[in-house]
């Protein structure tokens, strides 16, 4: 029977069995897996399996990123350089720091801090602080603010200090007017004195008498009285409208014409003619605005148009405010206010009624009245009986075309000058001894003896003493006879 061979090991006096070392594992082969390093084995000790795998995956991802971007360090350096360049480009021209609440000056498009431009304007500046171009407006720039915010998110160290931002916010906030009109009640130190006139670039509305900006898009100016209107205070009244669409002030319907005393003044106090006109307007359903349009069309068809009205100073002192100076009296008139439209209506009302009577729409007994010998200058036309019996609105005669000029008479002797032959190139030699006149032969040529011949021309009695020269054919015949 087989028995296991056990090496005898001496026991300790305490009775404990000695530890027998286990045999070492065989050495790994060339193709076998390598052991993990001691550091990895130490780091993995005491960590859960899931956390270990996540950490290992994150490290592998970072390693892959470094392999894909060999210039990773250079990209960080380029980002810092880009931030520095943006900071330099976004510097304010006044405070030389990165702009805070940027605003853009028109029309030059330079940008500054809103607080810097506000202080510049308060100190009397009216031009761009950078290029000195006269500025028309200053507005908040949202695109620039977006760029500044993006830069400060990536480089917070470039932001302005808290105290600087607080001081700037106390001076300017986006959305506030950079040139507000001071309220003299709350800010008497910055109020505009009435003795100094209107503020620069401002005026007073001719209707509501409020302060207006002359360059505002709602502001209009009358070309007749040179008064500006705000276009905001009272709709359809605070405006200088185009000529043909304006409403004459105080003449909205026919009742206004009846109650207006100036209408009777246009007809020299002739109430009969005014009543005839009012009855005609009521029957034809014509409004004062219709009459105004026809008057404007008639004046525009004249050679001088509105120049005679302006020379009469009809549009002076119509508003409670002072108008401007007419830059060019011969300039075309396109806009008119309500007050000036009423003056145009009253100026042309009488002549319009005279032209309207020619259309033949009036009753026969009215048109059959005889004309007063004194016409519109008659001192008795205010008498109702005399004005009803005679017509005092006498139309000027129509222009008659001049007859054509008569043709000149072409049968007179002066219209047909005598036909005289052209002189010879060589001088004629007078005949010797016969005294019959000059010879027709040139000098130096022998000639025969001249024989006086009476041609016997008969002169017409209407020619009087005028004697016509013989024709060229008769002259040649006489020469042949002499030869």
Protein backbone atom coordinates (compact mmCIF):
# COMPACT_ATOMS: atom_id res chain seq x y z
CA UNK A 1 0.00 0.00 0.00
CA UNK A 2 1.34 3.29 -1.08
CA UNK A 3 1.90 5.93 1.55
CA UNK A 4 2.48 9.67 1.19
CA UNK A 5 5.94 10.78 1.95
CA UNK A 6 5.96 13.75 4.26
CA UNK A 7 9.13 15.55 5.08
CA UNK A 8 9.67 15.70 8.70
CA UNK A 9 9.47 19.24 9.97
CA UNK A 10 10.41 19.97 13.49
CA UNK A 11 7.70 21.57 15.50
CA UNK A 12 8.16 24.66 17.51
CA UNK A 13 8.19 24.31 21.21
CA UNK A 14 4.94 26.24 21.29
CA UNK A 15 3.30 23.67 19.18
CA UNK A 16 2.71 25.92 16.13
CA UNK A 17 3.24 24.53 12.78
CA UNK A 18 5.84 26.41 10.68
CA UNK A 19 4.79 28.16 7.51
CA UNK A 20 5.84 26.38 4.41
CA UNK A 21 6.36 28.71 1.39
CA UNK A 22 4.41 27.89 -1.74
CA UNK A 23 6.33 27.15 -4.87
CA UNK A 24 6.68 30.17 -7.27
CA UNK A 25 4.64 30.24 -10.42
CA UNK A 26 6.28 29.43 -13.64
CA UNK A 27 7.87 32.36 -15.52
CA UNK A 28 5.59 33.92 -18.15
CA UNK A 29 6.20 33.02 -21.71
CA UNK A 30 7.02 35.47 -24.47
CA UNK A 31 3.46 35.35 -25.77
CA UNK A 32 1.68 35.60 -22.43
CA UNK A 33 0.06 38.77 -21.01
CA UNK A 34 2.16 41.27 -19.11
CA UNK A 35 1.52 42.04 -15.48
CA UNK A 36 0.10 45.41 -14.46
CA UNK A 37 2.54 47.83 -12.99
CA UNK A 38 2.74 48.18 -9.28
CA UNK A 39 1.50 51.78 -9.39
CA UNK A 40 -1.69 50.83 -11.23
CA UNK A 41 -2.35 48.01 -8.82
CA UNK A 42 -1.87 50.40 -5.90
CA UNK A 43 -4.18 53.08 -7.36
CA UNK A 44 -6.96 50.60 -8.06
CA UNK A 45 -6.94 49.37 -4.47
CA UNK A 46 -9.92 50.54 -2.48
CA UNK A 47 -11.91 52.06 -5.47
CA UNK A 48 -15.14 50.63 -6.85
CA UNK A 49 -15.03 48.89 -10.15
CA UNK A 50 -17.42 51.35 -11.91
CA UNK A 51 -15.47 54.44 -10.82
CA UNK A 52 -12.23 52.86 -11.91
CA UNK A 53 -13.56 52.14 -15.39
CA UNK A 54 -14.92 55.68 -15.78
CA UNK A 55 -11.62 57.22 -14.75
CA UNK A 56 -9.74 55.01 -17.15
CA UNK A 57 -12.08 55.95 -20.03
CA UNK A 58 -11.66 59.67 -19.27
CA UNK A 59 -7.88 59.38 -19.26
CA UNK A 60 -7.95 57.50 -22.55
CA UNK A 61 -10.12 60.24 -24.08
CA UNK A 62 -7.73 62.98 -22.95
CA UNK A 63 -4.82 61.04 -24.41
CA UNK A 64 -6.64 60.72 -27.74
CA UNK A 65 -7.35 64.46 -27.75
CA UNK A 66 -3.71 65.28 -27.22
CA UNK A 67 -2.77 62.95 -30.06
CA UNK A 68 -5.31 64.55 -32.44
CA UNK A 69 -4.20 68.13 -31.56
CA UNK A 70 -0.45 68.24 -31.46
CA UNK A 71 -0.56 72.07 -31.21
CA UNK A 72 -2.93 72.30 -28.25
CA UNK A 73 -0.61 74.57 -26.32
CA UNK A 74 -0.27 76.91 -29.26
CA UNK A 75 -4.10 77.21 -29.55
CA UNK A 76 -4.28 78.49 -26.01
CA UNK A 77 -1.62 81.07 -26.79
CA UNK A 78 -3.53 82.18 -29.91
CA UNK A 79 -6.72 82.62 -27.86
CA UNK A 80 -4.96 84.99 -25.50
CA UNK A 81 -3.56 86.96 -28.42
CA UNK A 82 -7.04 87.20 -29.96
CA UNK A 83 -8.46 88.51 -26.69
CA UNK A 84 -5.72 91.13 -26.52
CA UNK A 85 -6.41 92.24 -30.09
CA UNK A 86 -10.13 92.51 -29.43
CA UNK A 87 -9.50 94.55 -26.31
CA UNK A 88 -7.39 96.96 -28.33
CA UNK A 89 -10.02 97.27 -31.05
CA UNK A 90 -12.84 97.80 -28.55
CA UNK A 91 -11.16 100.61 -26.66
CA UNK A 92 -13.08 103.84 -26.13
CA UNK A 93 -11.53 106.87 -27.78
CA UNK A 94 -12.21 109.01 -24.70
CA UNK A 95 -11.20 106.87 -21.69
CA UNK A 96 -8.83 104.43 -23.53
CA UNK A 97 -10.44 101.40 -21.86
CA UNK A 98 -12.74 98.71 -23.15
CA UNK A 99 -16.07 100.30 -24.01
CA UNK A 100 -18.90 100.14 -21.50
CA UNK A 101 -22.46 100.63 -22.78
CA UNK A 102 -21.16 101.44 -26.29
CA UNK A 103 -22.87 104.08 -28.43
CA UNK A 104 -22.30 104.95 -32.11
CA UNK A 105 -22.06 108.52 -33.40
CA UNK A 106 -23.72 109.24 -36.75
CA UNK A 107 -22.72 109.75 -39.51
CA UNK A 108 -19.04 108.92 -38.88
CA UNK A 109 -19.84 105.63 -37.03
CA UNK A 110 -17.20 106.03 -34.30
CA UNK A 111 -18.11 104.34 -31.02
CA UNK A 112 -17.48 105.35 -27.42
CA UNK A 113 -18.74 104.63 -23.93
CA UNK A 114 -22.22 105.98 -23.42
CA UNK A 115 -21.11 107.84 -20.30
CA UNK A 116 -18.14 109.41 -22.12
CA UNK A 117 -20.31 110.80 -24.92
CA UNK A 118 -22.89 112.03 -22.42
CA UNK A 119 -20.25 114.05 -20.58
CA UNK A 120 -18.92 115.31 -23.92
CA UNK A 121 -22.35 116.60 -24.93
CA UNK A 122 -23.01 118.15 -21.53
CA UNK A 123 -19.80 120.14 -21.89
CA UNK A 124 -21.04 121.61 -25.18
CA UNK A 125 -19.65 119.14 -27.69
CA UNK A 126 -21.69 118.82 -30.89
CA UNK A 127 -19.19 116.86 -33.01
CA UNK A 128 -17.55 113.45 -32.85
CA UNK A 129 -14.79 113.34 -30.19
CA UNK A 130 -12.56 111.33 -32.55
CA UNK A 131 -12.83 112.98 -35.98
CA UNK A 132 -14.64 116.25 -35.12
CA UNK A 133 -17.35 115.57 -37.70
CA UNK A 134 -20.63 117.30 -36.90
CA UNK A 135 -22.85 114.59 -35.40
CA UNK A 136 -26.54 114.29 -36.13
CA UNK A 137 -27.47 111.54 -33.67
CA UNK A 138 -26.01 109.15 -31.09
CA UNK A 139 -27.55 105.71 -30.60
CA UNK A 140 -26.90 102.66 -28.45
CA UNK A 141 -25.09 99.83 -30.31
CA UNK A 142 -26.35 96.35 -29.45
CA UNK A 143 -23.96 94.53 -31.85
CA UNK A 144 -20.93 96.08 -30.14
CA UNK A 145 -22.34 95.20 -26.73
CA UNK A 146 -22.67 91.56 -27.84
CA UNK A 147 -19.01 91.45 -28.91
CA UNK A 148 -17.89 93.00 -25.61
CA UNK A 149 -19.93 90.50 -23.60
CA UNK A 150 -18.42 87.58 -25.53
CA UNK A 151 -14.90 88.86 -24.91
CA UNK A 152 -15.49 89.33 -21.18
CA UNK A 153 -16.86 85.80 -20.81
CA UNK A 154 -13.58 84.37 -22.12
CA UNK A 155 -11.36 86.96 -20.43
CA UNK A 156 -13.08 88.21 -17.25
CA UNK A 157 -9.91 89.96 -16.14
CA UNK A 158 -10.37 92.57 -18.86
CA UNK A 159 -13.66 93.86 -17.43
CA UNK A 160 -13.95 97.33 -15.95
CA UNK A 161 -13.89 97.64 -12.20
CA UNK A 162 -17.10 97.69 -10.21
CA UNK A 163 -16.65 101.32 -9.17
CA UNK A 164 -16.13 102.43 -12.78
CA UNK A 165 -19.26 100.61 -13.90
CA UNK A 166 -21.30 102.19 -11.12
CA UNK A 167 -20.10 105.68 -12.04
CA UNK A 168 -20.85 105.09 -15.72
CA UNK A 169 -24.35 103.76 -14.97
CA UNK A 170 -25.10 106.90 -12.97
CA UNK A 171 -24.33 109.01 -16.05
CA UNK A 172 -25.85 107.00 -18.90
CA UNK A 173 -28.31 104.15 -19.30
CA UNK A 174 -29.21 102.58 -22.67
CA UNK A 175 -32.48 103.97 -23.99
CA UNK A 176 -32.13 107.43 -22.46
CA UNK A 177 -31.95 110.50 -24.70
CA UNK A 178 -28.46 111.92 -24.86
CA UNK A 179 -29.79 115.48 -25.23
CA UNK A 180 -32.95 115.63 -23.12
CA UNK A 181 -34.93 118.85 -22.78
CA UNK A 182 -34.38 119.95 -19.21
CA UNK A 183 -37.41 120.36 -16.98
CA UNK A 184 -37.02 123.80 -15.38
CA UNK A 185 -39.17 122.75 -12.40
CA UNK A 186 -37.01 119.79 -11.39
CA UNK A 187 -33.68 120.96 -12.83
CA UNK A 188 -33.62 124.76 -12.94
CA UNK A 189 -29.86 124.83 -13.34
CA UNK A 190 -30.04 123.21 -16.78
CA UNK A 191 -33.23 124.92 -17.98
CA UNK A 192 -33.20 127.01 -21.17
CA UNK A 193 -33.83 130.71 -20.67
CA UNK A 194 -36.68 132.21 -22.67
CA UNK A 195 -34.64 135.35 -23.24
CA UNK A 196 -32.13 133.30 -25.23
CA UNK A 197 -34.71 132.37 -27.86
CA UNK A 198 -35.31 128.85 -29.12
CA UNK A 199 -32.74 126.14 -28.32
CA UNK A 200 -30.36 125.29 -31.17
CA UNK A 201 -32.07 123.09 -33.73
CA UNK A 202 -35.51 123.67 -32.22
CA UNK A 203 -38.54 125.83 -32.90
CA UNK A 204 -42.13 126.36 -31.80
CA UNK A 205 -45.14 124.72 -33.44
CA UNK A 206 -47.40 127.25 -35.14
CA UNK A 207 -50.56 125.52 -33.90
CA UNK A 208 -49.99 124.02 -30.43
CA UNK A 209 -46.99 126.27 -29.60
CA UNK A 210 -44.93 123.37 -28.21
CA UNK A 211 -41.18 123.09 -28.68
CA UNK A 212 -40.27 120.93 -31.67
CA UNK A 213 -37.10 119.61 -33.30
CA UNK A 214 -36.64 121.13 -36.74
CA UNK A 215 -35.02 117.97 -38.16
CA UNK A 216 -37.59 115.55 -36.73
CA UNK A 217 -39.33 113.34 -39.32
CA UNK A 218 -42.76 114.59 -38.20
CA UNK A 219 -41.88 118.28 -38.51
CA UNK A 220 -43.23 120.11 -41.58
CA UNK A 221 -42.85 123.71 -42.74
CA UNK A 222 -45.32 125.94 -44.59
CA UNK A 223 -43.85 127.40 -47.79
CA UNK A 224 -46.01 130.54 -47.50
CA UNK A 225 -45.67 131.75 -43.89
CA UNK A 226 -42.40 129.84 -43.17
CA UNK A 227 -43.78 128.49 -39.86
CA UNK A 228 -42.95 124.95 -38.69
CA UNK A 229 -45.43 122.44 -37.26
CA UNK A 230 -44.71 119.48 -34.98
CA UNK A 231 -47.17 116.98 -36.50
CA UNK A 232 -47.79 115.44 -33.05
CA UNK A 233 -49.78 117.81 -30.82
CA UNK A 234 -53.13 117.97 -32.66
CA UNK A 235 -53.56 115.58 -35.60
CA UNK A 236 -54.58 117.15 -38.94
CA UNK A 237 -53.91 120.62 -37.51
CA UNK A 238 -50.24 120.65 -36.49
CA UNK A 239 -49.12 119.98 -40.04
CA UNK A 240 -48.29 121.74 -43.29
CA UNK A 241 -49.93 119.47 -45.86
CA UNK A 242 -49.52 119.46 -49.65
CA UNK A 243 -51.40 122.23 -51.45
CA UNK A 244 -54.31 120.26 -52.88
CA UNK A 245 -55.19 118.21 -49.77
CA UNK A 246 -55.10 120.90 -47.09
CA UNK A 247 -58.26 122.04 -45.28
CA UNK A 248 -58.75 125.83 -45.09
CA UNK A 249 -58.96 126.90 -41.47
CA UNK A 250 -62.50 127.80 -40.39
CA UNK A 251 -64.18 126.64 -43.62
CA UNK A 252 -65.32 123.08 -43.09
CA UNK A 253 -68.81 123.43 -44.63
CA UNK A 254 -71.21 125.93 -46.20
CA UNK A 255 -72.38 127.28 -42.85
CA UNK A 256 -68.88 128.59 -42.18
CA UNK A 257 -69.05 130.68 -45.35
CA UNK A 258 -72.38 132.14 -44.25
CA UNK A 259 -71.05 133.11 -40.83
CA UNK A 260 -67.73 134.48 -42.09
CA UNK A 261 -67.76 138.26 -42.39
CA UNK A 262 -64.64 138.26 -44.58
CA UNK A 263 -66.64 136.60 -47.36
CA UNK A 264 -68.85 139.70 -47.60
CA UNK A 265 -65.75 141.88 -47.62
CA UNK A 266 -64.54 140.01 -50.72
CA UNK A 267 -67.70 141.23 -52.52
CA UNK A 268 -67.42 144.82 -51.21
CA UNK A 269 -70.44 144.37 -48.94
CA UNK A 270 -72.76 143.31 -51.78
CA UNK A 271 -75.04 140.94 -49.87
CA UNK A 272 -77.16 140.20 -52.94
CA UNK A 273 -74.24 138.68 -54.85
CA UNK A 274 -73.16 136.70 -51.77
CA UNK A 275 -76.66 135.27 -51.35
CA UNK A 276 -76.77 134.29 -55.03
CA UNK A 277 -73.43 132.51 -54.66
CA UNK A 278 -74.49 130.69 -51.46
CA UNK A 279 -77.71 129.49 -53.10
CA UNK A 280 -75.67 128.22 -56.05
CA UNK A 281 -73.25 126.36 -53.76
CA UNK A 282 -76.12 124.76 -51.89
CA UNK A 283 -77.83 123.66 -55.12
CA UNK A 284 -74.60 122.26 -56.61
CA UNK A 285 -73.45 120.68 -53.30
CA UNK A 286 -70.08 122.41 -53.45
CA UNK A 287 -67.93 122.64 -50.32
CA UNK A 288 -65.39 125.33 -49.43
CA UNK A 289 -62.63 122.78 -49.89
CA UNK A 290 -63.78 122.16 -53.47
CA UNK A 291 -63.65 125.91 -54.15
CA UNK A 292 -60.17 126.07 -52.59
CA UNK A 293 -58.87 123.33 -54.87
CA UNK A 294 -60.15 125.06 -58.00
CA UNK A 295 -58.63 128.35 -56.88
CA UNK A 296 -55.25 126.66 -56.31
CA UNK A 297 -55.41 124.99 -59.73
CA UNK A 298 -56.20 128.34 -61.40
CA UNK A 299 -53.35 130.15 -59.62
CA UNK A 300 -50.87 127.42 -60.49
CA UNK A 301 -51.80 127.87 -64.15
CA UNK A 302 -50.79 131.54 -64.09
CA UNK A 303 -47.29 132.62 -65.17
CA UNK A 304 -46.28 133.98 -61.75
CA UNK A 305 -48.38 131.53 -59.72
CA UNK A 306 -48.38 132.61 -56.03
CA UNK A 307 -45.90 135.48 -56.37
CA UNK A 308 -48.60 138.22 -56.40
CA UNK A 309 -50.08 136.87 -53.16
CA UNK A 310 -46.70 136.85 -51.44
CA UNK A 311 -45.98 140.38 -52.63
CA UNK A 312 -49.25 141.51 -51.01
CA UNK A 313 -47.99 140.02 -47.70
CA UNK A 314 -51.19 138.03 -47.20
CA UNK A 315 -49.41 135.40 -45.12
CA UNK A 316 -47.76 137.65 -42.56
CA UNK A 317 -48.60 137.44 -38.82
CA UNK A 318 -51.14 134.64 -39.19
CA UNK A 319 -49.76 132.57 -36.28
CA UNK A 320 -48.86 133.42 -32.69
CA UNK A 321 -45.26 132.39 -33.41
CA UNK A 322 -42.78 134.19 -35.61
CA UNK A 323 -42.13 132.61 -38.99
CA UNK A 324 -38.80 132.22 -40.70
CA UNK A 325 -37.33 134.10 -43.63
CA UNK A 326 -38.32 133.05 -47.14
CA UNK A 327 -35.03 131.80 -48.66
CA UNK A 328 -36.20 132.18 -52.27
CA UNK A 329 -39.34 134.18 -53.20
CA UNK A 330 -39.40 132.52 -56.63
CA UNK A 331 -39.19 128.97 -55.27
CA UNK A 332 -42.14 126.62 -55.98
CA UNK A 333 -44.71 126.27 -53.21
CA UNK A 334 -45.65 122.70 -52.31
CA UNK A 335 -46.81 122.75 -48.65
CA UNK A 336 -49.30 125.04 -46.96
CA UNK A 337 -50.79 125.34 -43.48
CA UNK A 338 -54.48 125.71 -42.65
CA UNK A 339 -54.30 129.44 -42.00
CA UNK A 340 -52.57 130.19 -45.31
CA UNK A 341 -55.05 127.94 -47.14
CA UNK A 342 -57.89 130.07 -45.76
CA UNK A 343 -56.16 133.22 -47.05
CA UNK A 344 -55.83 131.69 -50.52
CA UNK A 345 -59.54 130.82 -50.47
CA UNK A 346 -60.62 134.35 -49.54
CA UNK A 347 -58.22 135.90 -52.05
CA UNK A 348 -59.58 133.97 -55.04
CA UNK A 349 -63.25 133.56 -54.03
CA UNK A 350 -64.58 136.56 -56.00
CA UNK A 351 -62.71 135.69 -59.21
CA UNK A 352 -63.77 132.06 -58.86
CA UNK A 353 -67.42 133.09 -58.68
CA UNK A 354 -67.05 135.25 -61.79
CA UNK A 355 -65.57 132.28 -63.68
CA UNK A 356 -68.26 129.97 -62.31
CA UNK A 357 -71.08 132.25 -63.55
CA UNK A 358 -69.85 131.76 -67.13
CA UNK A 359 -70.80 128.07 -66.98
CA UNK A 360 -74.47 129.08 -67.37
CA UNK A 361 -75.92 127.24 -64.39
CA UNK A 362 -77.61 130.31 -62.87
CA UNK A 363 -81.24 131.24 -63.39
CA UNK A 364 -82.11 133.30 -66.43
CA UNK A 365 -83.42 136.34 -64.56
CA UNK A 366 -80.14 136.61 -62.66
CA UNK A 367 -78.05 136.51 -65.81
CA UNK A 368 -80.41 138.95 -67.54
CA UNK A 369 -79.70 141.80 -65.13
CA UNK A 370 -77.96 144.73 -66.80
CA UNK A 371 -74.43 145.58 -65.77
CA UNK A 372 -73.97 148.58 -63.54
CA UNK A 373 -72.10 151.36 -65.37
CA UNK A 374 -69.70 151.73 -62.45
CA UNK A 375 -69.16 147.99 -62.02
CA UNK A 376 -67.37 146.83 -58.90
CA UNK A 377 -66.50 150.44 -58.01
CA UNK A 378 -70.15 151.40 -57.57
CA UNK A 379 -70.71 153.02 -54.16
CA UNK A 380 -74.40 151.99 -54.18
CA UNK A 381 -73.89 148.24 -54.41
CA UNK A 382 -74.47 147.95 -50.66
CA UNK A 383 -78.00 149.19 -51.33
CA UNK A 384 -80.16 146.07 -51.54
CA UNK A 385 -82.53 147.47 -54.17
CA UNK A 386 -79.77 148.74 -56.44
CA UNK A 387 -77.69 145.57 -56.04
CA UNK A 388 -80.70 143.42 -56.92
CA UNK A 389 -81.48 145.44 -60.05
CA UNK A 390 -77.97 145.65 -61.50
CA UNK A 391 -75.08 143.25 -61.84
CA UNK A 392 -71.85 144.42 -60.24
CA UNK A 393 -69.67 141.38 -60.99
CA UNK A 394 -68.56 142.15 -64.50
CA UNK A 395 -66.27 139.58 -66.04
CA UNK A 396 -63.30 140.88 -67.98
CA UNK A 397 -63.61 140.42 -71.74
CA UNK A 398 -62.15 137.26 -73.10
CA UNK A 399 -58.91 137.59 -74.93
CA UNK A 400 -59.57 137.86 -78.68
CA UNK A 401 -57.04 136.47 -81.08
CA UNK A 402 -55.43 139.25 -83.14
CA UNK A 403 -56.19 139.09 -86.89
CA UNK A 404 -53.32 138.01 -89.11
CA UNK A 405 -51.15 140.79 -90.51
CA UNK A 406 -52.01 141.75 -94.14
CA UNK A 407 -49.65 140.62 -96.85
CA UNK A 408 -47.55 143.39 -98.43
CA UNK A 409 -48.54 144.60 -101.92
CA UNK A 410 -46.13 143.25 -104.52
CA UNK A 411 -47.35 145.30 -107.53
CA UNK A 412 -45.60 148.55 -106.73
CA UNK A 413 -42.65 149.84 -108.77
CA UNK A 414 -40.36 149.63 -105.79
CA UNK A 415 -40.85 145.87 -105.56
CA UNK A 416 -39.57 145.35 -109.15
CA UNK A 417 -36.23 147.13 -109.68
CA UNK A 418 -35.16 147.83 -113.31
CA UNK A 419 -33.14 145.21 -115.10
CA UNK A 420 -29.82 146.86 -116.00
CA UNK A 421 -27.16 144.83 -117.86
CA UNK A 422 -23.89 144.24 -116.10
CA UNK A 423 -21.08 146.63 -117.12
CA UNK A 424 -18.38 145.41 -119.50
CA UNK A 425 -14.97 144.49 -118.20
CA UNK A 426 -13.22 146.91 -120.62
CA UNK A 427 -14.16 150.61 -120.68
CA UNK A 428 -16.23 151.88 -123.55
CA UNK A 429 -14.82 154.53 -125.91
CA UNK A 430 -17.20 157.35 -126.79
CA UNK A 431 -18.02 157.80 -130.47
CA UNK A 432 -16.18 160.50 -132.44
CA UNK A 433 -18.23 163.42 -133.74
CA UNK A 434 -21.69 161.84 -133.53
CA UNK A 435 -22.46 162.58 -129.82
CA UNK A 436 -24.81 159.61 -129.79
CA UNK A 437 -23.48 158.35 -126.47
CA UNK A 438 -20.94 155.78 -125.45
CA UNK A 439 -19.89 153.09 -127.88
CA UNK A 440 -20.54 149.45 -127.24
CA UNK A 441 -17.19 148.42 -128.73
CA UNK A 442 -14.16 147.94 -126.55
CA UNK A 443 -11.25 150.28 -126.98
CA UNK A 444 -8.62 149.33 -129.58
CA UNK A 445 -11.04 147.51 -131.91
CA UNK A 446 -11.92 149.14 -135.26
CA UNK A 447 -15.59 149.85 -135.60
CA UNK A 448 -17.98 151.01 -138.25
CA UNK A 449 -19.65 154.38 -138.29
CA UNK A 450 -22.40 154.58 -135.72
CA UNK A 451 -25.91 155.26 -137.01
CA UNK A 452 -28.37 156.77 -134.55
CA UNK A 453 -31.46 154.61 -134.28
CA UNK A 454 -34.60 155.33 -132.32
CA UNK A 455 -35.73 152.10 -130.73
CA UNK A 456 -39.10 153.57 -129.86
CA UNK A 457 -39.78 152.05 -126.43
CA UNK A 458 -43.17 152.84 -124.97
CA UNK A 459 -43.35 153.54 -121.24
CA UNK A 460 -46.40 152.37 -119.28
CA UNK A 461 -48.37 155.31 -117.85
CA UNK A 462 -48.45 153.84 -114.31
CA UNK A 463 -44.66 153.87 -114.10
CA UNK A 464 -44.55 157.65 -114.39
CA UNK A 465 -41.06 158.95 -114.87
CA UNK A 466 -39.55 155.53 -114.30
CA UNK A 467 -37.85 154.20 -117.43
CA UNK A 468 -36.99 150.53 -117.68
CA UNK A 469 -33.88 149.38 -119.48
CA UNK A 470 -34.26 147.42 -122.74
CA UNK A 471 -34.14 143.67 -122.60
CA UNK A 472 -31.02 141.77 -123.52
CA UNK A 473 -32.59 140.29 -126.69
CA UNK A 474 -33.48 143.75 -128.05
CA UNK A 475 -30.03 144.96 -127.23
CA UNK A 476 -28.45 142.16 -129.28
CA UNK A 477 -30.75 142.87 -132.22
CA UNK A 478 -29.72 146.52 -132.30
CA UNK A 479 -26.07 145.56 -132.22
CA UNK A 480 -26.52 143.21 -135.17
CA UNK A 481 -28.27 145.98 -137.12
CA UNK A 482 -25.38 148.37 -136.58
CA UNK A 483 -22.89 145.81 -137.84
